[in-house]
Each structure stands twice: as structure tokens, then as C-alpha cells.
Amino acid sequence: MLVGTVVGNVWATKKDPSLVGLRFLVVRPFTTDGRESAETLVAVDPLGAGIGERVLVVFGRAARHAIGRSHDIGFQTAIAAIIDTMELEEGRIVGPTSEHDRPAKRTKGTS
């Protein structure tokens, strides 16, 4: 499982028959250090996520379950949730898009 940001769409007119009717999105993995990952992956989107939104991506059996087609599908990566908010260990808030992110609140006695 990983958290990522939707960065694009994939269209394919010719594909495995088990993939007909499915929407594909390009997802860039989220990094906690703020640097953009050089990697991307393609995931089936049964939920309707949009570009810029943060999503939870699952793999294998969990992905096939999220897609809703059991073992009769030729794909094993899917978006299982659209993230509303995450709070990281140091208190930094990660929102549904980068525009909603907030830095960690300073506590008394820190500079």
C-alpha cells in the first residue's frame, strides 16, 4: 500500500477484455521529505479521483477487491481511497492536495 498524488490519466483503446470500462490514472508516490518521486505507477480508479488529489493505492488481492472483479481481471493496482487528511509524526498536516498542506505547529519553547 502507498500514498500518492494523481498526476495524469491513461487512455487505451486496445486492452485486455477484463479491463474494459475501467479508468486508469497515473500516480506519483508521496514522499515525506517533500521531494518529488521520479517514479510513477498506473492504477485503476473505481472511485473517481482527480488530478492533484492524494490517494491510497493498494496492490494484488486488495486491488482486485477494490476494483470489484475478483480474480477475473488482468490488473493488480487500484485506488482504494481518496485522502482527506494525514497527520505525520512531527505534526505536519498533509491535505487532499498540496494546496491544503500545513507545516507542523511549533510548540512552546521551540524556535
PDB file of N, CA and C in Angstrom:
ATOM      1  N   MET A   1       0.845  -1.157   0.000  1.00  0.00           N
ATOM      2  CA  MET A   1       0.000   0.000   0.000  1.00  0.00           C
ATOM      3  C   MET A   1       0.898   1.231   0.000  1.00  0.00           C
ATOM      4  N   LEU A   2       0.468   2.267  -0.719  1.00  0.00           N
ATOM      5  CA  LEU A   2       1.227   3.511  -0.694  1.00  0.00           C
ATOM      6  C   LEU A   2       0.295   4.695  -0.881  1.00  0.00           C
ATOM      7  N   VAL A   3       0.780   5.867  -0.469  1.00  0.00           N
ATOM      8  CA  VAL A   3       0.071   7.116  -0.670  1.00  0.00           C
ATOM      9  C   VAL A   3       0.712   7.803  -1.864  1.00  0.00           C
ATOM     10  N   GLY A   4      -0.103   8.356  -2.733  1.00  0.00           N
ATOM     11  CA  GLY A   4       0.431   9.035  -3.899  1.00  0.00           C
ATOM     12  C   GLY A   4      -0.462  10.178  -4.332  1.00  0.00           C
ATOM     13  N   THR A   5       0.017  10.924  -5.317  1.00  0.00           N
ATOM     14  CA  THR A   5      -0.727  12.040  -5.894  1.00  0.00           C
ATOM     15  C   THR A   5      -1.052  11.711  -7.340  1.00  0.00           C
ATOM     16  N   VAL A   6      -2.287  11.910  -7.734  1.00  0.00           N
ATOM     17  CA  VAL A   6      -2.693  11.662  -9.116  1.00  0.00           C
ATOM     18  C   VAL A   6      -2.082  12.753  -9.988  1.00  0.00           C
ATOM     19  N   VAL A   7      -1.322  12.324 -11.009  1.00  0.00           N
ATOM     20  CA  VAL A   7      -0.644  13.280 -11.889  1.00  0.00           C
ATOM     21  C   VAL A   7      -1.058  13.157 -13.355  1.00  0.00           C
ATOM     22  N   GLY A   8      -1.939  12.210 -13.674  1.00  0.00           N
ATOM     23  CA  GLY A   8      -2.345  12.083 -15.068  1.00  0.00           C
ATOM     24  C   GLY A   8      -3.361  10.987 -15.297  1.00  0.00           C
ATOM     25  N   ASN A   9      -3.827  10.915 -16.538  1.00  0.00           N
ATOM     26  CA  ASN A   9      -4.784   9.905 -16.996  1.00  0.00           C
ATOM     27  C   ASN A   9      -4.125   9.016 -18.034  1.00  0.00           C
ATOM     28  N   VAL A  10      -4.641   7.812 -18.171  1.00  0.00           N
ATOM     29  CA  VAL A  10      -4.185   6.892 -19.215  1.00  0.00           C
ATOM     30  C   VAL A  10      -5.410   6.472 -20.013  1.00  0.00           C
ATOM     31  N   TRP A  11      -5.335   6.588 -21.341  1.00  0.00           N
ATOM     32  CA  TRP A  11      -6.393   6.106 -22.212  1.00  0.00           C
ATOM     33  C   TRP A  11      -5.816   5.010 -23.087  1.00  0.00           C
ATOM     34  N   ALA A  12      -6.572   3.940 -23.270  1.00  0.00           N
ATOM     35  CA  ALA A  12      -6.141   2.830 -24.126  1.00  0.00           C
ATOM     36  C   ALA A  12      -7.358   2.295 -24.869  1.00  0.00           C
ATOM     37  N   THR A  13      -7.313   2.357 -26.192  1.00  0.00           N
ATOM     38  CA  THR A  13      -8.445   1.850 -26.960  1.00  0.00           C
ATOM     39  C   THR A  13      -8.363   0.339 -27.135  1.00  0.00           C
ATOM     40  N   LYS A  14      -7.154  -0.195 -27.096  1.00  0.00           N
ATOM     41  CA  LYS A  14      -6.980  -1.645 -27.186  1.00  0.00           C
ATOM     42  C   LYS A  14      -6.404  -2.128 -25.864  1.00  0.00           C
ATOM     43  N   LYS A  15      -7.129  -3.045 -25.228  1.00  0.00           N
ATOM     44  CA  LYS A  15      -6.690  -3.558 -23.940  1.00  0.00           C
ATOM     45  C   LYS A  15      -7.307  -4.923 -23.697  1.00  0.00           C
ATOM     46  N   ASP A  16      -6.813  -5.590 -22.679  1.00  0.00           N
ATOM     47  CA  ASP A  16      -7.344  -6.883 -22.270  1.00  0.00           C
ATOM     48  C   ASP A  16      -8.838  -6.734 -22.003  1.00  0.00           C
ATOM     49  N   PRO A  17      -9.651  -7.686 -22.462  1.00  0.00           N
ATOM     50  CA  PRO A  17     -11.102  -7.570 -22.262  1.00  0.00           C
ATOM     51  C   PRO A  17     -11.518  -7.385 -20.794  1.00  0.00           C
ATOM     52  N   SER A  18     -10.736  -7.887 -19.853  1.00  0.00           N
ATOM     53  CA  SER A  18     -11.093  -7.736 -18.435  1.00  0.00           C
ATOM     54  C   SER A  18     -10.937  -6.294 -17.939  1.00  0.00           C
ATOM     55  N   LEU A  19     -10.305  -5.440 -18.743  1.00  0.00           N
ATOM     56  CA  LEU A  19     -10.064  -4.056 -18.347  1.00  0.00           C
ATOM     57  C   LEU A  19     -11.040  -3.059 -18.984  1.00  0.00           C
ATOM     58  N   VAL A  20     -11.927  -3.554 -19.831  1.00  0.00           N
ATOM     59  CA  VAL A  20     -12.896  -2.687 -20.497  1.00  0.00           C
ATOM     60  C   VAL A  20     -13.778  -2.012 -19.450  1.00  0.00           C
ATOM     61  N   GLY A  21     -13.966  -0.708 -19.614  1.00  0.00           N
ATOM     62  CA  GLY A  21     -14.821   0.045 -18.714  1.00  0.00           C
ATOM     63  C   GLY A  21     -14.125   0.581 -17.473  1.00  0.00           C
ATOM     64  N   LEU A  22     -12.840   0.307 -17.324  1.00  0.00           N
ATOM     65  CA  LEU A  22     -12.096   0.779 -16.160  1.00  0.00           C
ATOM     66  C   LEU A  22     -11.340   2.061 -16.482  1.00  0.00           C
ATOM     67  N   ARG A  23     -11.206   2.917 -15.489  1.00  0.00           N
ATOM     68  CA  ARG A  23     -10.477   4.185 -15.623  1.00  0.00           C
ATOM     69  C   ARG A  23      -9.085   4.001 -15.034  1.00  0.00           C
ATOM     70  N   PHE A  24      -8.066   4.502 -15.754  1.00  0.00           N
ATOM     71  CA  PHE A  24      -6.681   4.374 -15.311  1.00  0.00           C
ATOM     72  C   PHE A  24      -6.087   5.750 -15.025  1.00  0.00           C
ATOM     73  N   LEU A  25      -5.373   5.863 -13.910  1.00  0.00           N
ATOM     74  CA  LEU A  25      -4.713   7.108 -13.545  1.00  0.00           C
ATOM     75  C   LEU A  25      -3.230   6.876 -13.315  1.00  0.00           C
ATOM     76  N   VAL A  26      -2.435   7.901 -13.591  1.00  0.00           N
ATOM     77  CA  VAL A  26      -1.007   7.880 -13.287  1.00  0.00           C
ATOM     78  C   VAL A  26      -0.850   8.486 -11.896  1.00  0.00           C
ATOM     79  N   VAL A  27      -0.138   7.764 -11.016  1.00  0.00           N
ATOM     80  CA  VAL A  27       0.039   8.190  -9.633  1.00  0.00           C
ATOM     81  C   VAL A  27       1.530   8.293  -9.322  1.00  0.00           C
ATOM     82  N   ARG A  28       1.917   9.407  -8.687  1.00  0.00           N
ATOM     83  CA  ARG A  28       3.300   9.597  -8.240  1.00  0.00           C
ATOM     84  C   ARG A  28       3.326   9.351  -6.734  1.00  0.00           C
ATOM     85  N   PRO A  29       4.173   8.431  -6.255  1.00  0.00           N
ATOM     86  CA  PRO A  29       4.242   8.166  -4.813  1.00  0.00           C
ATOM     87  C   PRO A  29       4.576   9.420  -4.009  1.00  0.00           C
ATOM     88  N   PHE A  30       3.953   9.546  -2.839  1.00  0.00           N
ATOM     89  CA  PHE A  30       4.169  10.653  -1.920  1.00  0.00           C
ATOM     90  C   PHE A  30       5.450  10.398  -1.136  1.00  0.00           C
ATOM     91  N   THR A  31       6.260  11.439  -0.967  1.00  0.00           N
ATOM     92  CA  THR A  31       7.464  11.320  -0.146  1.00  0.00           C
ATOM     93  C   THR A  31       7.349  12.286   1.029  1.00  0.00           C
ATOM     94  N   THR A  32       7.784  11.855   2.200  1.00  0.00           N
ATOM     95  CA  THR A  32       7.655  12.700   3.394  1.00  0.00           C
ATOM     96  C   THR A  32       8.693  13.810   3.439  1.00  0.00           C
ATOM     97  N   ASP A  33       9.748  13.708   2.616  1.00  0.00           N
ATOM     98  CA  ASP A  33      10.775  14.759   2.635  1.00  0.00           C
ATOM     99  C   ASP A  33      10.447  15.927   1.704  1.00  0.00           C
ATOM    100  N   GLY A  34       9.309  15.856   1.007  1.00  0.00           N
ATOM    101  CA  GLY A  34       8.893  16.955   0.150  1.00  0.00           C
ATOM    102  C   GLY A  34       9.438  16.923  -1.261  1.00  0.00           C
ATOM    103  N   ARG A  35      10.361  16.029  -1.535  1.00  0.00           N
ATOM    104  CA  ARG A  35      10.895  15.917  -2.895  1.00  0.00           C
ATOM    105  C   ARG A  35       9.951  15.080  -3.744  1.00  0.00           C
ATOM    106  N   GLU A  36       9.844  15.456  -5.020  1.00  0.00           N
ATOM    107  CA  GLU A  36       9.011  14.655  -5.923  1.00  0.00           C
ATOM    108  C   GLU A  36       9.698  13.344  -6.244  1.00  0.00           C
ATOM    109  N   SER A  37       8.946  12.273  -6.203  1.00  0.00           N
ATOM    110  CA  SER A  37       9.471  10.977  -6.604  1.00  0.00           C
ATOM    111  C   SER A  37       9.659  10.965  -8.113  1.00  0.00           C
ATOM    112  N   ALA A  38      10.700  10.291  -8.572  1.00  0.00           N
ATOM    113  CA  ALA A  38      10.916  10.152 -10.009  1.00  0.00           C
ATOM    114  C   ALA A  38      10.066   9.024 -10.582  1.00  0.00           C
ATOM    115  N   GLU A  39       9.482   8.226  -9.708  1.00  0.00           N
ATOM    116  CA  GLU A  39       8.691   7.071 -10.126  1.00  0.00           C
ATOM    117  C   GLU A  39       7.222   7.438 -10.296  1.00  0.00           C
ATOM    118  N   THR A  40       6.534   6.705 -11.154  1.00  0.00           N
ATOM    119  CA  THR A  40       5.083   6.785 -11.259  1.00  0.00           C
ATOM    120  C   THR A  40       4.550   5.373 -11.429  1.00  0.00           C
ATOM    121  N   LEU A  41       3.264   5.209 -11.213  1.00  0.00           N
ATOM    122  CA  LEU A  41       2.618   3.925 -11.455  1.00  0.00           C
ATOM    123  C   LEU A  41       1.236   4.190 -12.003  1.00  0.00           C
ATOM    124  N   VAL A  42       0.641   3.174 -12.586  1.00  0.00           N
ATOM    125  CA  VAL A  42      -0.708   3.285 -13.130  1.00  0.00           C
ATOM    126  C   VAL A  42      -1.625   2.451 -12.246  1.00  0.00           C
ATOM    127  N   ALA A  43      -2.755   3.041 -11.864  1.00  0.00           N
ATOM    128  CA  ALA A  43      -3.716   2.343 -11.006  1.00  0.00           C
ATOM    129  C   ALA A  43      -5.119   2.485 -11.577  1.00  0.00           C
ATOM    130  N   VAL A  44      -5.920   1.437 -11.417  1.00  0.00           N
ATOM    131  CA  VAL A  44      -7.335   1.511 -11.765  1.00  0.00           C
ATOM    132  C   VAL A  44      -8.009   2.407 -10.732  1.00  0.00           C
ATOM    133  N   ASP A  45      -8.923   3.254 -11.190  1.00  0.00           N
ATOM    134  CA  ASP A  45      -9.614   4.184 -10.298  1.00  0.00           C
ATOM    135  C   ASP A  45     -11.113   3.915 -10.265  1.00  0.00           C
ATOM    136  N   PRO A  46     -11.580   3.127  -9.306  1.00  0.00           N
ATOM    137  CA  PRO A  46     -13.017   2.887  -9.193  1.00  0.00           C
ATOM    138  C   PRO A  46     -13.761   3.983  -8.432  1.00  0.00           C
ATOM    139  N   LEU A  47     -13.025   4.992  -7.906  1.00  0.00           N
ATOM    140  CA  LEU A  47     -13.631   5.989  -7.023  1.00  0.00           C
ATOM    141  C   LEU A  47     -13.856   7.363  -7.646  1.00  0.00           C
ATOM    142  N   GLY A  48     -13.157   7.684  -8.725  1.00  0.00           N
ATOM    143  CA  GLY A  48     -13.331   8.991  -9.356  1.00  0.00           C
ATOM    144  C   GLY A  48     -12.378  10.057  -8.856  1.00  0.00           C
ATOM    145  N   ALA A  49     -11.150   9.684  -8.543  1.00  0.00           N
ATOM    146  CA  ALA A  49     -10.143  10.657  -8.107  1.00  0.00           C
ATOM    147  C   ALA A  49      -9.781  11.590  -9.256  1.00  0.00           C
ATOM    148  N   GLY A  50      -9.312  12.786  -8.901  1.00  0.00           N
ATOM    149  CA  GLY A  50      -8.932  13.767  -9.906  1.00  0.00           C
ATOM    150  C   GLY A  50      -7.459  14.112  -9.830  1.00  0.00           C
ATOM    151  N   ILE A  51      -6.962  14.761 -10.856  1.00  0.00           N
ATOM    152  CA  ILE A  51      -5.556  15.168 -10.891  1.00  0.00           C
ATOM    153  C   ILE A  51      -5.276  16.103  -9.723  1.00  0.00           C
ATOM    154  N   GLY A  52      -4.163  15.849  -9.048  1.00  0.00           N
ATOM    155  CA  GLY A  52      -3.757  16.634  -7.890  1.00  0.00           C
ATOM    156  C   GLY A  52      -4.204  16.052  -6.563  1.00  0.00           C
ATOM    157  N   GLU A  53      -5.169  15.132  -6.584  1.00  0.00           N
ATOM    158  CA  GLU A  53      -5.655  14.553  -5.329  1.00  0.00           C
ATOM    159  C   GLU A  53      -4.706  13.474  -4.803  1.00  0.00           C
ATOM    160  N   ARG A  54      -4.654  13.384  -3.486  1.00  0.00           N
ATOM    161  CA  ARG A  54      -3.860  12.350  -2.829  1.00  0.00           C
ATOM    162  C   ARG A  54      -4.728  11.112  -2.660  1.00  0.00           C
ATOM    163  N   VAL A  55      -4.146   9.960  -2.933  1.00  0.00           N
ATOM    164  CA  VAL A  55      -4.895   8.712  -2.915  1.00  0.00           C
ATOM    165  C   VAL A  55      -4.102   7.609  -2.214  1.00  0.00           C
ATOM    166  N   LEU A  56      -4.831   6.592  -1.759  1.00  0.00           N
ATOM    167  CA  LEU A  56      -4.230   5.396  -1.192  1.00  0.00           C
ATOM    168  C   LEU A  56      -4.290   4.314  -2.261  1.00  0.00           C
ATOM    169  N   VAL A  57      -3.141   3.774  -2.621  1.00  0.00           N
ATOM    170  CA  VAL A  57      -3.049   2.773  -3.677  1.00  0.00           C
ATOM    171  C   VAL A  57      -2.770   1.406  -3.039  1.00  0.00           C
ATOM    172  N   VAL A  58      -3.515   0.393  -3.479  1.00  0.00           N
ATOM    173  CA  VAL A  58      -3.319  -0.967  -2.990  1.00  0.00           C
ATOM    174  C   VAL A  58      -2.940  -1.874  -4.152  1.00  0.00           C
ATOM    175  N   PHE A  59      -2.378  -3.023  -3.804  1.00  0.00           N
ATOM    176  CA  PHE A  59      -1.851  -3.950  -4.808  1.00  0.00           C
ATOM    177  C   PHE A  59      -2.402  -5.357  -4.590  1.00  0.00           C
ATOM    178  N   GLY A  60      -2.284  -6.187  -5.633  1.00  0.00           N
ATOM    179  CA  GLY A  60      -2.622  -7.603  -5.523  1.00  0.00           C
ATOM    180  C   GLY A  60      -4.083  -7.857  -5.229  1.00  0.00           C
ATOM    181  N   ARG A  61      -4.334  -8.783  -4.287  1.00  0.00           N
ATOM    182  CA  ARG A  61      -5.690  -9.183  -3.944  1.00  0.00           C
ATOM    183  C   ARG A  61      -6.527  -7.987  -3.483  1.00  0.00           C
ATOM    184  N   ALA A  62      -5.927  -7.097  -2.684  1.00  0.00           N
ATOM    185  CA  ALA A  62      -6.649  -5.909  -2.214  1.00  0.00           C
ATOM    186  C   ALA A  62      -7.086  -5.042  -3.392  1.00  0.00           C
ATOM    187  N   ALA A  63      -6.241  -4.921  -4.403  1.00  0.00           N
ATOM    188  CA  ALA A  63      -6.586  -4.130  -5.590  1.00  0.00           C
ATOM    189  C   ALA A  63      -7.721  -4.791  -6.365  1.00  0.00           C
ATOM    190  N   ARG A  64      -7.623  -6.083  -6.558  1.00  0.00           N
ATOM    191  CA  ARG A  64      -8.697  -6.767  -7.287  1.00  0.00           C
ATOM    192  C   ARG A  64     -10.025  -6.630  -6.543  1.00  0.00           C
ATOM    193  N   HIS A  65      -9.980  -6.670  -5.210  1.00  0.00           N
ATOM    194  CA  HIS A  65     -11.187  -6.489  -4.400  1.00  0.00           C
ATOM    195  C   HIS A  65     -11.732  -5.063  -4.583  1.00  0.00           C
ATOM    196  N   ALA A  66     -10.851  -4.056  -4.545  1.00  0.00           N
ATOM    197  CA  ALA A  66     -11.268  -2.662  -4.705  1.00  0.00           C
ATOM    198  C   ALA A  66     -11.888  -2.421  -6.082  1.00  0.00           C
ATOM    199  N   ILE A  67     -11.339  -3.086  -7.101  1.00  0.00           N
ATOM    200  CA  ILE A  67     -11.862  -2.945  -8.466  1.00  0.00           C
ATOM    201  C   ILE A  67     -13.215  -3.639  -8.580  1.00  0.00           C
ATOM    202  N   GLY A  68     -13.407  -4.717  -7.802  1.00  0.00           N
ATOM    203  CA  GLY A  68     -14.684  -5.413  -7.773  1.00  0.00           C
ATOM    204  C   GLY A  68     -14.851  -6.495  -8.810  1.00  0.00           C
ATOM    205  N   ARG A  69     -13.725  -7.021  -9.294  1.00  0.00           N
ATOM    206  CA  ARG A  69     -13.833  -8.060 -10.321  1.00  0.00           C
ATOM    207  C   ARG A  69     -13.109  -9.341  -9.928  1.00  0.00           C
ATOM    208  N   SER A  70     -12.844  -9.521  -8.668  1.00  0.00           N
ATOM    209  CA  SER A  70     -12.235 -10.748  -8.153  1.00  0.00           C
ATOM    210  C   SER A  70     -10.960 -11.105  -8.911  1.00  0.00           C
ATOM    211  N   HIS A  71     -10.792 -12.384  -9.198  1.00  0.00           N
ATOM    212  CA  HIS A  71      -9.574 -12.848  -9.875  1.00  0.00           C
ATOM    213  C   HIS A  71      -9.680 -12.742 -11.391  1.00  0.00           C
ATOM    214  N   ASP A  72     -10.835 -12.322 -11.883  1.00  0.00           N
ATOM    215  CA  ASP A  72     -11.063 -12.271 -13.325  1.00  0.00           C
ATOM    216  C   ASP A  72     -10.645 -10.933 -13.927  1.00  0.00           C
ATOM    217  N   ILE A  73      -9.495 -10.436 -13.519  1.00  0.00           N
ATOM    218  CA  ILE A  73      -9.024  -9.163 -14.041  1.00  0.00           C
ATOM    219  C   ILE A  73      -7.514  -9.209 -14.248  1.00  0.00           C
ATOM    220  N   GLY A  74      -7.054  -8.576 -15.305  1.00  0.00           N
ATOM    221  CA  GLY A  74      -5.635  -8.563 -15.619  1.00  0.00           C
ATOM    222  C   GLY A  74      -4.911  -7.357 -15.058  1.00  0.00           C
ATOM    223  N   PHE A  75      -5.236  -6.946 -13.828  1.00  0.00           N
ATOM    224  CA  PHE A  75      -4.605  -5.770 -13.237  1.00  0.00           C
ATOM    225  C   PHE A  75      -4.551  -5.936 -11.730  1.00  0.00           C
ATOM    226  N   GLN A  76      -3.475  -5.451 -11.098  1.00  0.00           N
ATOM    227  CA  GLN A  76      -3.337  -5.651  -9.662  1.00  0.00           C
ATOM    228  C   GLN A  76      -2.928  -4.393  -8.904  1.00  0.00           C
ATOM    229  N   THR A  77      -3.334  -3.222  -9.401  1.00  0.00           N
ATOM    230  CA  THR A  77      -3.061  -1.955  -8.719  1.00  0.00           C
ATOM    231  C   THR A  77      -4.325  -1.116  -8.799  1.00  0.00           C
ATOM    232  N   ALA A  78      -4.791  -0.604  -7.641  1.00  0.00           N
ATOM    233  CA  ALA A  78      -6.032   0.168  -7.639  1.00  0.00           C
ATOM    234  C   ALA A  78      -6.014   1.241  -6.563  1.00  0.00           C
ATOM    235  N   ILE A  79      -6.791   2.274  -6.808  1.00  0.00           N
ATOM    236  CA  ILE A  79      -7.004   3.316  -5.816  1.00  0.00           C
ATOM    237  C   ILE A  79      -8.122   2.836  -4.894  1.00  0.00           C
ATOM    238  N   ALA A  80      -7.818   2.765  -3.597  1.00  0.00           N
ATOM    239  CA  ALA A  80      -8.785   2.276  -2.620  1.00  0.00           C
ATOM    240  C   ALA A  80      -9.385   3.398  -1.784  1.00  0.00           C
ATOM    241  N   ALA A  81      -8.767   4.587  -1.802  1.00  0.00           N
ATOM    242  CA  ALA A  81      -9.298   5.717  -1.025  1.00  0.00           C
ATOM    243  C   ALA A  81      -8.770   7.024  -1.584  1.00  0.00           C
ATOM    244  N   ILE A  82      -9.583   8.060  -1.476  1.00  0.00           N
ATOM    245  CA  ILE A  82      -9.158   9.428  -1.755  1.00  0.00           C
ATOM    246  C   ILE A  82      -8.953  10.066  -0.387  1.00  0.00           C
ATOM    247  N   ILE A  83      -7.751  10.550  -0.144  1.00  0.00           N
ATOM    248  CA  ILE A  83      -7.368  11.006   1.190  1.00  0.00           C
ATOM    249  C   ILE A  83      -7.918  12.396   1.489  1.00  0.00           C
ATOM    250  N   ASP A  84      -8.516  12.546   2.665  1.00  0.00           N
ATOM    251  CA  ASP A  84      -8.975  13.849   3.139  1.00  0.00           C
ATOM    252  C   ASP A  84      -7.845  14.567   3.862  1.00  0.00           C
ATOM    253  N   THR A  85      -7.157  13.868   4.758  1.00  0.00           N
ATOM    254  CA  THR A  85      -6.051  14.462   5.502  1.00  0.00           C
ATOM    255  C   THR A  85      -5.197  13.374   6.131  1.00  0.00           C
ATOM    256  N   MET A  86      -3.930  13.681   6.320  1.00  0.00           N
ATOM    257  CA  MET A  86      -2.999  12.799   7.041  1.00  0.00           C
ATOM    258  C   MET A  86      -2.219  13.678   8.006  1.00  0.00           C
ATOM    259  N   GLU A  87      -1.921  13.145   9.168  1.00  0.00           N
ATOM    260  CA  GLU A  87      -1.050  13.846  10.101  1.00  0.00           C
ATOM    261  C   GLU A  87       0.211  13.014  10.247  1.00  0.00           C
ATOM    262  N   LEU A  88       1.348  13.626   9.937  1.00  0.00           N
ATOM    263  CA  LEU A  88       2.619  12.938  10.024  1.00  0.00           C
ATOM    264  C   LEU A  88       3.186  13.048  11.432  1.00  0.00           C
ATOM    265  N   GLU A  89       4.188  12.235  11.705  1.00  0.00           N
ATOM    266  CA  GLU A  89       4.762  12.109  13.038  1.00  0.00           C
ATOM    267  C   GLU A  89       5.123  13.452  13.676  1.00  0.00           C
ATOM    268  N   GLU A  90       5.721  14.342  12.940  1.00  0.00           N
ATOM    269  CA  GLU A  90       6.148  15.622  13.511  1.00  0.00           C
ATOM    270  C   GLU A  90       5.019  16.645  13.591  1.00  0.00           C
ATOM    271  N   GLY A  91       3.798  16.243  13.251  1.00  0.00           N
ATOM    272  CA  GLY A  91       2.646  17.132  13.336  1.00  0.00           C
ATOM    273  C   GLY A  91       2.287  17.840  12.048  1.00  0.00           C
ATOM    274  N   ARG A  92       3.052  17.607  10.999  1.00  0.00           N
ATOM    275  CA  ARG A  92       2.740  18.202   9.703  1.00  0.00           C
ATOM    276  C   ARG A  92       1.439  17.609   9.175  1.00  0.00           C
ATOM    277  N   ILE A  93       0.581  18.467   8.632  1.00  0.00           N
ATOM    278  CA  ILE A  93      -0.698  18.028   8.076  1.00  0.00           C
ATOM    279  C   ILE A  93      -0.572  17.966   6.558  1.00  0.00           C
ATOM    280  N   VAL A  94      -0.941  16.833   6.000  1.00  0.00           N
ATOM    281  CA  VAL A  94      -0.948  16.626   4.558  1.00  0.00           C
ATOM    282  C   VAL A  94      -2.405  16.561   4.136  1.00  0.00           C
ATOM    283  N   GLY A  95      -2.790  17.464   3.262  1.00  0.00           N
ATOM    284  CA  GLY A  95      -4.183  17.563   2.856  1.00  0.00           C
ATOM    285  C   GLY A  95      -4.512  16.751   1.621  1.00  0.00           C
ATOM    286  N   PRO A  96      -5.728  16.911   1.123  1.00  0.00           N
ATOM    287  CA  PRO A  96      -6.159  16.163  -0.055  1.00  0.00           C
ATOM    288  C   PRO A  96      -5.414  16.568  -1.316  1.00  0.00           C
ATOM    289  N   THR A  97      -4.863  17.797  -1.339  1.00  0.00           N
ATOM    290  CA  THR A  97      -3.989  18.269  -2.414  1.00  0.00           C
ATOM    291  C   THR A  97      -2.860  19.057  -1.757  1.00  0.00           C
ATOM    292  N   SER A  98      -1.818  19.348  -2.503  1.00  0.00           N
ATOM    293  CA  SER A  98      -0.676  20.062  -1.929  1.00  0.00           C
ATOM    294  C   SER A  98      -1.056  21.459  -1.426  1.00  0.00           C
ATOM    295  N   GLU A  99      -2.088  22.070  -2.007  1.00  0.00           N
ATOM    296  CA  GLU A  99      -2.529  23.395  -1.569  1.00  0.00           C
ATOM    297  C   GLU A  99      -3.089  23.383  -0.149  1.00  0.00           C
ATOM    298  N   HIS A 100      -3.492  22.219   0.339  1.00  0.00           N
ATOM    299  CA  HIS A 100      -4.075  22.086   1.673  1.00  0.00           C
ATOM    300  C   HIS A 100      -3.054  21.665   2.733  1.00  0.00           C
ATOM    301  N   ASP A 101      -1.813  21.447   2.360  1.00  0.00           N
ATOM    302  CA  ASP A 101      -0.791  21.020   3.323  1.00  0.00           C
ATOM    303  C   ASP A 101      -0.491  22.145   4.306  1.00  0.00           C
ATOM    304  N   ARG A 102      -0.170  21.763   5.548  1.00  0.00           N
ATOM    305  CA  ARG A 102       0.189  22.737   6.580  1.00  0.00           C
ATOM    306  C   ARG A 102       1.420  22.228   7.320  1.00  0.00           C
ATOM    307  N   PRO A 103       2.347  23.131   7.631  1.00  0.00           N
ATOM    308  CA  PRO A 103       3.538  22.717   8.385  1.00  0.00           C
ATOM    309  C   PRO A 103       3.176  22.351   9.820  1.00  0.00           C
ATOM    310  N   ALA A 104       4.102  21.684  10.493  1.00  0.00           N
ATOM    311  CA  ALA A 104       3.892  21.312  11.886  1.00  0.00           C
ATOM    312  C   ALA A 104       3.760  22.569  12.724  1.00  0.00           C
ATOM    313  N   LYS A 105       2.858  22.535  13.695  1.00  0.00           N
ATOM    314  CA  LYS A 105       2.716  23.662  14.606  1.00  0.00           C
ATOM    315  C   LYS A 105       3.877  23.658  15.574  1.00  0.00           C
ATOM    316  N   ARG A 106       4.415  24.834  15.825  1.00  0.00           N
ATOM    317  CA  ARG A 106       5.503  24.947  16.796  1.00  0.00           C
ATOM    318  C   ARG A 106       4.915  24.875  18.191  1.00  0.00           C
ATOM    319  N   THR A 107       5.627  24.210  19.081  1.00  0.00           N
ATOM    320  CA  THR A 107       5.187  24.138  20.467  1.00  0.00           C
ATOM    321  C   THR A 107       5.978  25.140  21.289  1.00  0.00           C
ATOM    322  N   LYS A 108       5.481  25.488  22.459  1.00  0.00           N
ATOM    323  CA  LYS A 108       6.162  26.444  23.328  1.00  0.00           C
ATOM    324  C   LYS A 108       7.557  25.943  23.639  1.00  0.00           C
ATOM    325  N   GLY A 109       8.490  26.859  23.626  1.00  0.00           N
ATOM    326  CA  GLY A 109       9.865  26.508  23.959  1.00  0.00           C
ATOM    327  C   GLY A 109      10.706  26.081  22.786  1.00  0.00           C
ATOM    328  N   THR A 110      10.114  26.022  21.574  1.00  0.00           N
ATOM    329  CA  THR A 110      10.903  25.704  20.383  1.00  0.00           C
ATOM    330  C   THR A 110      11.049  26.943  19.552  1.00  0.00           C
ATOM    331  N   SER A 111      12.102  27.007  18.815  1.00  0.00           N
ATOM    332  CA  SER A 111      12.304  28.194  17.967  1.00  0.00           C
ATOM    333  C   SER A 111      12.317  27.825  16.518  1.00  0.00           C
TER     334      SER A 111
END
